[in-house]
Structures are given as C-alpha cells and as structure tokens.
C-alpha cells in the first residue's frame, strides 16, 4: 500500500466537507462513540507503521551479506523497488564494498547491475573476488548530473536491471523522487551514492546509511530505515 492508498483509506474513514457526520440515506445516525473503534484501528492496519517499529507486513529484501548490518535492516537486507542511499565521507573508503554481497547475489541470478557516473573505473578483479559476475555488469558514463539522472531513471524503469548504482552530487528531492518512482516501476534496487554534505538533507529513500573509515575499520551508521531504529555497525576495512 502506497501513500496514495493510505490517503484514500483515511478519507474513507474520516470524510470531510458535506459528507462529514452525514449518515447514508435511510440509515440511522450513529453515536460518536461508534466511530472510535474504527479510528483506533487505523494505526493497527498492517500497511501502517510507526517510526521505530518493525513493519507488520513481511519486507522483501535483497540479502546484504553482512550479519552485523542485516540485524539492523528489516528483512535482513536492502529493499528493492525503492532508493537505498549511501553517504560516504570521501570516495573509495569502502562504501561500495558494503554493497558488493547484494550485487553478487543479483548478478548470480542473471540480473544486470548498472554503474552510472562512477567517479572511478570499477576494479574487475575485486568484483570477481566478491562474487560479482562481470558479464552482468554495465558501466555507463555521464557528461553531467542531468545525464546521470536520466540514465538512472531509464535503467530502473527498463525492468532489465536488478540494481542501479548512481553517483550524484547535487540532486534535489524532486530528482530523487523521480528515481524512487522509477525503481517502483521496474521493481529494481537503487543505490544512490552521495557525499556527507547531504547527510542532513531530506530524502525519499527507504534506507540511508553513512559510511566512514579510519583506514582500519569502516563505520556504518543507519541514518534512516523504514520500520527500524537508527544504529551503528563497525566493520573491518
């Protein structure tokens, strides 16, 4: 159930305008107390979740392959058909390695993994060592961020990519929302990689993690996650 469906549900339960308080033709008026059980039932709907609580509806997830992080994520992994945002304190500090188990899982299933506007050339031997099938890997260069966003949106909507990684610098909320809708349309896993200057910005992402490193260990902080509390994970570099 999406936000639009929930809005319709609430409109049906709480009519506004001329419909509010008016019983159907031929029906007897109901006391105000009769509506209270229905109002109390709304938060218990299986598609409604409260901040800090696990969703009651089972979450489809792509295994992240990192036990310490799996315990923090609903379903034990990254959520498809939505944005998963990775915020790094610099480039090449191990932010991509956090994603490699999921990318390997998808490529072994024969699904394409698209790398868009990556600031470096993916190192093939490291990808192979992590279990990523290079035959299922697609690298797309972009002249500017507008091209990167267009390529990411088309790749997500194509239904041919299991995952899309796109590096962005100044994308606003509207641009991210377009990627979210494209991920839903193609049922694809979308990773948006950004620098730490965006850590405090609003985002439609279902999951946001911040990755840092001191050269010996990577620190992964869960900034936002639907149906979960924020958390902190320390991993070997």
C-alpha atoms as a PDB file:
ATOM      1  CA  UNK A   1       0.000   0.000   0.000  1.00  0.00           C
ATOM      2  CA  UNK A   2       1.441   3.341  -1.061  1.00  0.00           C
ATOM      3  CA  UNK A   3       0.957   6.811   0.372  1.00  0.00           C
ATOM      4  CA  UNK A   4      -1.874   7.484  -2.099  1.00  0.00           C
ATOM      5  CA  UNK A   5      -3.680   4.325  -0.993  1.00  0.00           C
ATOM      6  CA  UNK A   6      -3.312   5.263   2.662  1.00  0.00           C
ATOM      7  CA  UNK A   7      -4.699   8.728   1.889  1.00  0.00           C
ATOM      8  CA  UNK A   8      -7.768   7.142   0.276  1.00  0.00           C
ATOM      9  CA  UNK A   9      -8.165   4.849   3.262  1.00  0.00           C
ATOM     10  CA  UNK A  10      -8.110   7.759   5.675  1.00  0.00           C
ATOM     11  CA  UNK A  11     -10.517   9.766   3.513  1.00  0.00           C
ATOM     12  CA  UNK A  12     -12.931   6.866   3.594  1.00  0.00           C
ATOM     13  CA  UNK A  13     -12.686   6.588   7.367  1.00  0.00           C
ATOM     14  CA  UNK A  14     -12.763  10.314   8.066  1.00  0.00           C
ATOM     15  CA  UNK A  15     -14.953  12.042   5.432  1.00  0.00           C
ATOM     16  CA  UNK A  16     -14.669  15.792   5.069  1.00  0.00           C
ATOM     17  CA  UNK A  17     -16.879  18.645   3.920  1.00  0.00           C
ATOM     18  CA  UNK A  18     -20.593  17.884   3.385  1.00  0.00           C
ATOM     19  CA  UNK A  19     -20.016  14.163   3.928  1.00  0.00           C
ATOM     20  CA  UNK A  20     -18.653  14.544   7.442  1.00  0.00           C
ATOM     21  CA  UNK A  21     -21.129  13.450  10.057  1.00  0.00           C
ATOM     22  CA  UNK A  22     -23.874  12.682   7.485  1.00  0.00           C
ATOM     23  CA  UNK A  23     -25.157   9.093   7.592  1.00  0.00           C
ATOM     24  CA  UNK A  24     -26.131   7.277   4.369  1.00  0.00           C
ATOM     25  CA  UNK A  25     -29.688   7.793   3.130  1.00  0.00           C
ATOM     26  CA  UNK A  26     -32.129   5.701   5.137  1.00  0.00           C
ATOM     27  CA  UNK A  27     -29.605   4.904   7.863  1.00  0.00           C
ATOM     28  CA  UNK A  28     -29.991   5.887  11.459  1.00  0.00           C
ATOM     29  CA  UNK A  29     -27.457   8.304  12.905  1.00  0.00           C
ATOM     30  CA  UNK A  30     -24.642   6.585  14.809  1.00  0.00           C
ATOM     31  CA  UNK A  31     -23.394   7.881  18.145  1.00  0.00           C
ATOM     32  CA  UNK A  32     -19.954   9.488  18.148  1.00  0.00           C
ATOM     33  CA  UNK A  33     -18.604   6.653  20.304  1.00  0.00           C
ATOM     34  CA  UNK A  34     -19.282   4.172  17.473  1.00  0.00           C
ATOM     35  CA  UNK A  35     -16.575   5.762  15.299  1.00  0.00           C
ATOM     36  CA  UNK A  36     -13.889   5.456  17.965  1.00  0.00           C
ATOM     37  CA  UNK A  37     -13.063   1.752  17.423  1.00  0.00           C
ATOM     38  CA  UNK A  38     -12.532   2.441  13.728  1.00  0.00           C
ATOM     39  CA  UNK A  39     -10.282   5.409  14.458  1.00  0.00           C
ATOM     40  CA  UNK A  40      -8.264   3.330  16.906  1.00  0.00           C
ATOM     41  CA  UNK A  41      -7.961   0.557  14.337  1.00  0.00           C
ATOM     42  CA  UNK A  42      -6.196   2.729  11.748  1.00  0.00           C
ATOM     43  CA  UNK A  43      -2.733   2.562  13.396  1.00  0.00           C
ATOM     44  CA  UNK A  44      -3.135  -1.233  13.577  1.00  0.00           C
ATOM     45  CA  UNK A  45      -3.575  -1.565   9.807  1.00  0.00           C
ATOM     46  CA  UNK A  46      -0.828  -3.946   8.525  1.00  0.00           C
ATOM     47  CA  UNK A  47       0.381  -1.385   5.953  1.00  0.00           C
ATOM     48  CA  UNK A  48       0.757   1.426   8.527  1.00  0.00           C
ATOM     49  CA  UNK A  49       3.957   1.576  10.552  1.00  0.00           C
ATOM     50  CA  UNK A  50       5.177   3.818  13.336  1.00  0.00           C
ATOM     51  CA  UNK A  51       8.681   5.260  13.497  1.00  0.00           C
ATOM     52  CA  UNK A  52      10.933   2.885  15.400  1.00  0.00           C
ATOM     53  CA  UNK A  53       8.724  -0.186  14.925  1.00  0.00           C
ATOM     54  CA  UNK A  54       9.258  -3.137  12.630  1.00  0.00           C
ATOM     55  CA  UNK A  55       6.668  -3.364   9.837  1.00  0.00           C
ATOM     56  CA  UNK A  56       3.986  -5.997  10.395  1.00  0.00           C
ATOM     57  CA  UNK A  57       3.898  -6.825   6.677  1.00  0.00           C
ATOM     58  CA  UNK A  58       6.873  -9.046   5.668  1.00  0.00           C
ATOM     59  CA  UNK A  59       9.550  -6.957   3.930  1.00  0.00           C
ATOM     60  CA  UNK A  60      11.045  -8.188   0.658  1.00  0.00           C
ATOM     61  CA  UNK A  61      14.776  -7.614   0.798  1.00  0.00           C
ATOM     62  CA  UNK A  62      17.955  -8.461  -1.083  1.00  0.00           C
ATOM     63  CA  UNK A  63      20.377 -10.033   1.432  1.00  0.00           C
ATOM     64  CA  UNK A  64      23.147  -7.588   2.270  1.00  0.00           C
ATOM     65  CA  UNK A  65      25.542 -10.378   3.257  1.00  0.00           C
ATOM     66  CA  UNK A  66      26.834  -8.509   6.326  1.00  0.00           C
ATOM     67  CA  UNK A  67      25.414 -10.111   9.509  1.00  0.00           C
ATOM     68  CA  UNK A  68      26.047  -7.027  11.667  1.00  0.00           C
ATOM     69  CA  UNK A  69      24.077  -4.867   9.225  1.00  0.00           C
ATOM     70  CA  UNK A  70      21.407  -7.456   8.451  1.00  0.00           C
ATOM     71  CA  UNK A  71      20.281  -7.318  12.075  1.00  0.00           C
ATOM     72  CA  UNK A  72      19.576  -3.597  11.634  1.00  0.00           C
ATOM     73  CA  UNK A  73      17.655  -3.814   8.343  1.00  0.00           C
ATOM     74  CA  UNK A  74      14.040  -5.026   8.022  1.00  0.00           C
ATOM     75  CA  UNK A  75      14.054  -8.306   6.143  1.00  0.00           C
ATOM     76  CA  UNK A  76      17.804  -8.573   6.661  1.00  0.00           C
ATOM     77  CA  UNK A  77      18.817  -6.634   3.573  1.00  0.00           C
ATOM     78  CA  UNK A  78      18.372  -3.822   1.061  1.00  0.00           C
ATOM     79  CA  UNK A  79      14.853  -3.019  -0.057  1.00  0.00           C
ATOM     80  CA  UNK A  80      14.067  -3.324  -3.790  1.00  0.00           C
ATOM     81  CA  UNK A  81      11.660  -1.027  -5.642  1.00  0.00           C
ATOM     82  CA  UNK A  82      12.950   1.961  -3.673  1.00  0.00           C
ATOM     83  CA  UNK A  83      16.013   4.124  -3.044  1.00  0.00           C
ATOM     84  CA  UNK A  84      18.778   2.994  -0.709  1.00  0.00           C
ATOM     85  CA  UNK A  85      21.063   5.976  -0.087  1.00  0.00           C
ATOM     86  CA  UNK A  86      24.739   5.583   0.801  1.00  0.00           C
ATOM     87  CA  UNK A  87      26.512   8.666   2.139  1.00  0.00           C
ATOM     88  CA  UNK A  88      30.291   8.473   2.198  1.00  0.00           C
ATOM     89  CA  UNK A  89      32.930  10.590   3.887  1.00  0.00           C
ATOM     90  CA  UNK A  90      35.043  10.662   0.751  1.00  0.00           C
ATOM     91  CA  UNK A  91      35.399   8.392  -2.275  1.00  0.00           C
ATOM     92  CA  UNK A  92      36.989   4.953  -2.168  1.00  0.00           C
ATOM     93  CA  UNK A  93      36.710   4.415   1.596  1.00  0.00           C
ATOM     94  CA  UNK A  94      34.857   1.115   1.254  1.00  0.00           C
ATOM     95  CA  UNK A  95      31.358   2.440   0.647  1.00  0.00           C
ATOM     96  CA  UNK A  96      30.883   0.173  -2.386  1.00  0.00           C
ATOM     97  CA  UNK A  97      32.207  -2.893  -0.563  1.00  0.00           C
ATOM     98  CA  UNK A  98      29.200  -2.651   1.758  1.00  0.00           C
ATOM     99  CA  UNK A  99      27.003  -3.237  -1.309  1.00  0.00           C
ATOM    100  CA  UNK A 100      29.037  -5.979  -3.013  1.00  0.00           C
ATOM    101  CA  UNK A 101      27.349  -9.020  -1.395  1.00  0.00           C
ATOM    102  CA  UNK A 102      23.949  -7.832  -2.663  1.00  0.00           C
ATOM    103  CA  UNK A 103      25.355  -7.062  -6.119  1.00  0.00           C
ATOM    104  CA  UNK A 104      26.949 -10.517  -6.263  1.00  0.00           C
ATOM    105  CA  UNK A 105      23.632 -12.096  -5.256  1.00  0.00           C
ATOM    106  CA  UNK A 106      21.787 -10.305  -8.047  1.00  0.00           C
ATOM    107  CA  UNK A 107      24.398 -10.927 -10.745  1.00  0.00           C
ATOM    108  CA  UNK A 108      24.468 -14.649  -9.930  1.00  0.00           C
ATOM    109  CA  UNK A 109      20.721 -14.661 -10.585  1.00  0.00           C
ATOM    110  CA  UNK A 110      21.436 -13.289 -14.040  1.00  0.00           C
ATOM    111  CA  UNK A 111      20.314  -9.735 -13.279  1.00  0.00           C
ATOM    112  CA  UNK A 112      22.207  -6.742 -14.673  1.00  0.00           C
ATOM    113  CA  UNK A 113      23.968  -4.346 -12.303  1.00  0.00           C
ATOM    114  CA  UNK A 114      24.377  -0.841 -13.780  1.00  0.00           C
ATOM    115  CA  UNK A 115      27.090   1.556 -12.550  1.00  0.00           C
ATOM    116  CA  UNK A 116      26.253   5.127 -13.572  1.00  0.00           C
ATOM    117  CA  UNK A 117      28.621   8.128 -13.317  1.00  0.00           C
ATOM    118  CA  UNK A 118      31.007   6.251 -11.039  1.00  0.00           C
ATOM    119  CA  UNK A 119      33.962   8.501 -10.100  1.00  0.00           C
ATOM    120  CA  UNK A 120      36.341   5.596 -10.816  1.00  0.00           C
ATOM    121  CA  UNK A 121      36.579   2.546 -13.050  1.00  0.00           C
ATOM    122  CA  UNK A 122      35.275  -0.483 -11.118  1.00  0.00           C
ATOM    123  CA  UNK A 123      38.191  -2.819 -10.362  1.00  0.00           C
ATOM    124  CA  UNK A 124      37.264  -6.056 -12.096  1.00  0.00           C
ATOM    125  CA  UNK A 125      39.445  -8.467 -10.028  1.00  0.00           C
ATOM    126  CA  UNK A 126      37.934  -7.157  -6.780  1.00  0.00           C
ATOM    127  CA  UNK A 127      34.418  -7.534  -8.156  1.00  0.00           C
ATOM    128  CA  UNK A 128      35.139 -11.103  -9.240  1.00  0.00           C
ATOM    129  CA  UNK A 129      36.628 -11.909  -5.847  1.00  0.00           C
ATOM    130  CA  UNK A 130      33.434 -10.624  -4.238  1.00  0.00           C
ATOM    131  CA  UNK A 131      31.391 -12.952  -6.430  1.00  0.00           C
ATOM    132  CA  UNK A 132      30.058 -10.390  -8.919  1.00  0.00           C
ATOM    133  CA  UNK A 133      29.503 -11.775 -12.416  1.00  0.00           C
ATOM    134  CA  UNK A 134      31.232  -9.294 -14.708  1.00  0.00           C
ATOM    135  CA  UNK A 135      29.058 -10.391 -17.624  1.00  0.00           C
ATOM    136  CA  UNK A 136      26.109  -8.889 -15.756  1.00  0.00           C
ATOM    137  CA  UNK A 137      27.901  -5.595 -15.050  1.00  0.00           C
ATOM    138  CA  UNK A 138      27.134  -2.470 -17.093  1.00  0.00           C
ATOM    139  CA  UNK A 139      29.146   0.764 -16.775  1.00  0.00           C
ATOM    140  CA  UNK A 140      27.531   3.990 -18.010  1.00  0.00           C
ATOM    141  CA  UNK A 141      29.411   7.280 -18.199  1.00  0.00           C
ATOM    142  CA  UNK A 142      27.591  10.631 -17.941  1.00  0.00           C
ATOM    143  CA  UNK A 143      28.719  14.084 -19.018  1.00  0.00           C
ATOM    144  CA  UNK A 144      26.816  15.811 -16.207  1.00  0.00           C
ATOM    145  CA  UNK A 145      24.382  15.100 -13.408  1.00  0.00           C
ATOM    146  CA  UNK A 146      21.316  15.594 -15.595  1.00  0.00           C
ATOM    147  CA  UNK A 147      22.571  12.828 -17.880  1.00  0.00           C
ATOM    148  CA  UNK A 148      23.312  10.615 -14.877  1.00  0.00           C
ATOM    149  CA  UNK A 149      19.792  11.076 -13.527  1.00  0.00           C
ATOM    150  CA  UNK A 150      18.266  10.353 -16.953  1.00  0.00           C
ATOM    151  CA  UNK A 151      20.355   7.201 -17.389  1.00  0.00           C
ATOM    152  CA  UNK A 152      19.488   6.003 -13.883  1.00  0.00           C
ATOM    153  CA  UNK A 153      15.777   6.602 -14.372  1.00  0.00           C
ATOM    154  CA  UNK A 154      15.719   4.763 -17.707  1.00  0.00           C
ATOM    155  CA  UNK A 155      17.741   1.864 -16.309  1.00  0.00           C
ATOM    156  CA  UNK A 156      15.424   1.496 -13.331  1.00  0.00           C
ATOM    157  CA  UNK A 157      12.268   1.611 -15.449  1.00  0.00           C
ATOM    158  CA  UNK A 158      13.603  -0.848 -18.028  1.00  0.00           C
ATOM    159  CA  UNK A 159      12.931  -3.900 -15.811  1.00  0.00           C
ATOM    160  CA  UNK A 160      16.228  -5.336 -17.101  1.00  0.00           C
ATOM    161  CA  UNK A 161      18.411  -4.170 -14.196  1.00  0.00           C
ATOM    162  CA  UNK A 162      18.391  -5.866 -10.831  1.00  0.00           C
ATOM    163  CA  UNK A 163      20.319  -2.965  -9.318  1.00  0.00           C
ATOM    164  CA  UNK A 164      21.392   0.524 -10.343  1.00  0.00           C
ATOM    165  CA  UNK A 165      24.215   2.414  -8.651  1.00  0.00           C
ATOM    166  CA  UNK A 166      24.336   6.138  -9.421  1.00  0.00           C
ATOM    167  CA  UNK A 167      26.737   8.745  -8.040  1.00  0.00           C
ATOM    168  CA  UNK A 168      25.117  12.150  -7.526  1.00  0.00           C
ATOM    169  CA  UNK A 169      26.328  15.436  -6.089  1.00  0.00           C
ATOM    170  CA  UNK A 170      23.522  17.997  -6.141  1.00  0.00           C
ATOM    171  CA  UNK A 171      20.284  16.092  -6.843  1.00  0.00           C
ATOM    172  CA  UNK A 172      17.290  17.667  -5.115  1.00  0.00           C
ATOM    173  CA  UNK A 173      14.296  15.982  -3.518  1.00  0.00           C
ATOM    174  CA  UNK A 174      12.303  16.105  -6.771  1.00  0.00           C
ATOM    175  CA  UNK A 175      15.046  14.295  -8.690  1.00  0.00           C
ATOM    176  CA  UNK A 176      15.308  11.614  -6.008  1.00  0.00           C
ATOM    177  CA  UNK A 177      11.551  11.207  -6.016  1.00  0.00           C
ATOM    178  CA  UNK A 178      11.663  10.521  -9.762  1.00  0.00           C
ATOM    179  CA  UNK A 179      14.239   7.797  -9.119  1.00  0.00           C
ATOM    180  CA  UNK A 180      12.008   6.381  -6.406  1.00  0.00           C
ATOM    181  CA  UNK A 181       9.063   6.143  -8.811  1.00  0.00           C
ATOM    182  CA  UNK A 182      11.296   4.603 -11.491  1.00  0.00           C
ATOM    183  CA  UNK A 183      12.562   1.980  -9.021  1.00  0.00           C
ATOM    184  CA  UNK A 184       8.975   1.112  -8.148  1.00  0.00           C
ATOM    185  CA  UNK A 185       8.041   0.828 -11.836  1.00  0.00           C
ATOM    186  CA  UNK A 186      10.942  -1.512 -12.622  1.00  0.00           C
ATOM    187  CA  UNK A 187      10.999  -3.299  -9.237  1.00  0.00           C
ATOM    188  CA  UNK A 188      14.728  -2.581  -9.126  1.00  0.00           C
ATOM    189  CA  UNK A 189      17.191  -1.960  -6.330  1.00  0.00           C
ATOM    190  CA  UNK A 190      18.522   1.612  -6.491  1.00  0.00           C
ATOM    191  CA  UNK A 191      21.664   2.750  -4.682  1.00  0.00           C
ATOM    192  CA  UNK A 192      22.292   6.498  -4.652  1.00  0.00           C
ATOM    193  CA  UNK A 193      25.819   7.359  -3.535  1.00  0.00           C
ATOM    194  CA  UNK A 194      26.438  10.895  -2.261  1.00  0.00           C
ATOM    195  CA  UNK A 195      28.928  12.769  -0.091  1.00  0.00           C
ATOM    196  CA  UNK A 196      28.404  13.665   3.554  1.00  0.00           C
ATOM    197  CA  UNK A 197      27.258  17.237   2.785  1.00  0.00           C
ATOM    198  CA  UNK A 198      23.841  15.671   2.057  1.00  0.00           C
ATOM    199  CA  UNK A 199      23.596  13.744   5.333  1.00  0.00           C
ATOM    200  CA  UNK A 200      21.134  16.236   6.825  1.00  0.00           C
ATOM    201  CA  UNK A 201      19.010  16.719   3.706  1.00  0.00           C
ATOM    202  CA  UNK A 202      15.518  15.279   3.405  1.00  0.00           C
ATOM    203  CA  UNK A 203      15.258  12.248   1.170  1.00  0.00           C
ATOM    204  CA  UNK A 204      12.538   9.844  -0.036  1.00  0.00           C
ATOM    205  CA  UNK A 205      14.982   6.951   0.433  1.00  0.00           C
ATOM    206  CA  UNK A 206      13.699   3.946   2.367  1.00  0.00           C
ATOM    207  CA  UNK A 207      17.173   3.337   3.798  1.00  0.00           C
ATOM    208  CA  UNK A 208      20.014   5.809   4.367  1.00  0.00           C
ATOM    209  CA  UNK A 209      23.415   4.755   5.661  1.00  0.00           C
ATOM    210  CA  UNK A 210      26.550   6.808   6.287  1.00  0.00           C
ATOM    211  CA  UNK A 211      29.938   5.144   5.745  1.00  0.00           C
ATOM    212  CA  UNK A 212      33.190   6.387   7.223  1.00  0.00           C
ATOM    213  CA  UNK A 213      36.634   4.837   7.646  1.00  0.00           C
ATOM    214  CA  UNK A 214      39.753   5.391   9.695  1.00  0.00           C
ATOM    215  CA  UNK A 215      41.840   3.136   7.437  1.00  0.00           C
ATOM    216  CA  UNK A 216      41.416   0.131   9.699  1.00  0.00           C
ATOM    217  CA  UNK A 217      37.671  -0.190  10.146  1.00  0.00           C
ATOM    218  CA  UNK A 218      34.613   1.070   8.349  1.00  0.00           C
ATOM    219  CA  UNK A 219      31.918   2.706  10.424  1.00  0.00           C
ATOM    220  CA  UNK A 220      28.384   2.261   9.087  1.00  0.00           C
ATOM    221  CA  UNK A 221      25.627   4.352  10.649  1.00  0.00           C
ATOM    222  CA  UNK A 222      21.983   3.719   9.878  1.00  0.00           C
ATOM    223  CA  UNK A 223      20.532   7.229   9.478  1.00  0.00           C
ATOM    224  CA  UNK A 224      17.069   6.232   8.298  1.00  0.00           C
ATOM    225  CA  UNK A 225      15.236   2.980   7.791  1.00  0.00           C
ATOM    226  CA  UNK A 226      11.539   2.275   7.439  1.00  0.00           C
ATOM    227  CA  UNK A 227      10.454   0.202  10.408  1.00  0.00           C
ATOM    228  CA  UNK A 228      13.768   0.267  12.278  1.00  0.00           C
ATOM    229  CA  UNK A 229      15.729   2.299  14.774  1.00  0.00           C
ATOM    230  CA  UNK A 230      18.968   4.073  13.865  1.00  0.00           C
ATOM    231  CA  UNK A 231      22.058   2.028  14.561  1.00  0.00           C
ATOM    232  CA  UNK A 232      25.834   1.810  14.283  1.00  0.00           C
ATOM    233  CA  UNK A 233      27.982  -1.001  12.867  1.00  0.00           C
ATOM    234  CA  UNK A 234      31.784  -1.316  12.869  1.00  0.00           C
ATOM    235  CA  UNK A 235      33.296  -3.453  10.096  1.00  0.00           C
ATOM    236  CA  UNK A 236      36.846  -4.443   9.195  1.00  0.00           C
ATOM    237  CA  UNK A 237      38.272  -2.269   6.408  1.00  0.00           C
END
